[in-house]
Amino acid sequence: MAKTIEETQEYLGMWVTADGHVRQELLPNGRYDEARGALESAYQGRYRIDGDHIDYIDDTGFTADGEFRDGVLYHGGMIFYKENK
């Protein structure tokens, strides 16, 4: 039986748009830190994964969501790719 993304924690790490402008790090403690262009930590908050769905609640109370599909994160009209170091 295939493991879920929560079990494998494949979502952890840095996710980046193709142009590198938006960078979102999903941390193991359930927090995220998002940079935009030269602005580090433009958004920070909590996230929760359920299956392939991710819910975000930033520290100001704004909420958003996204989906993981075939190793790609779709969020807020943007497409993120996992950065492999």
Foldseek 3Di string as FASTA:
>chain_A
DDDFCVVVVLVAAWWAFPVRQWIWGQHPVQKIAIHGHVRGRPWIFGWDDDRQKIWTQTPVGDIWIWGQDPQWIQTPNTIIHHDDD
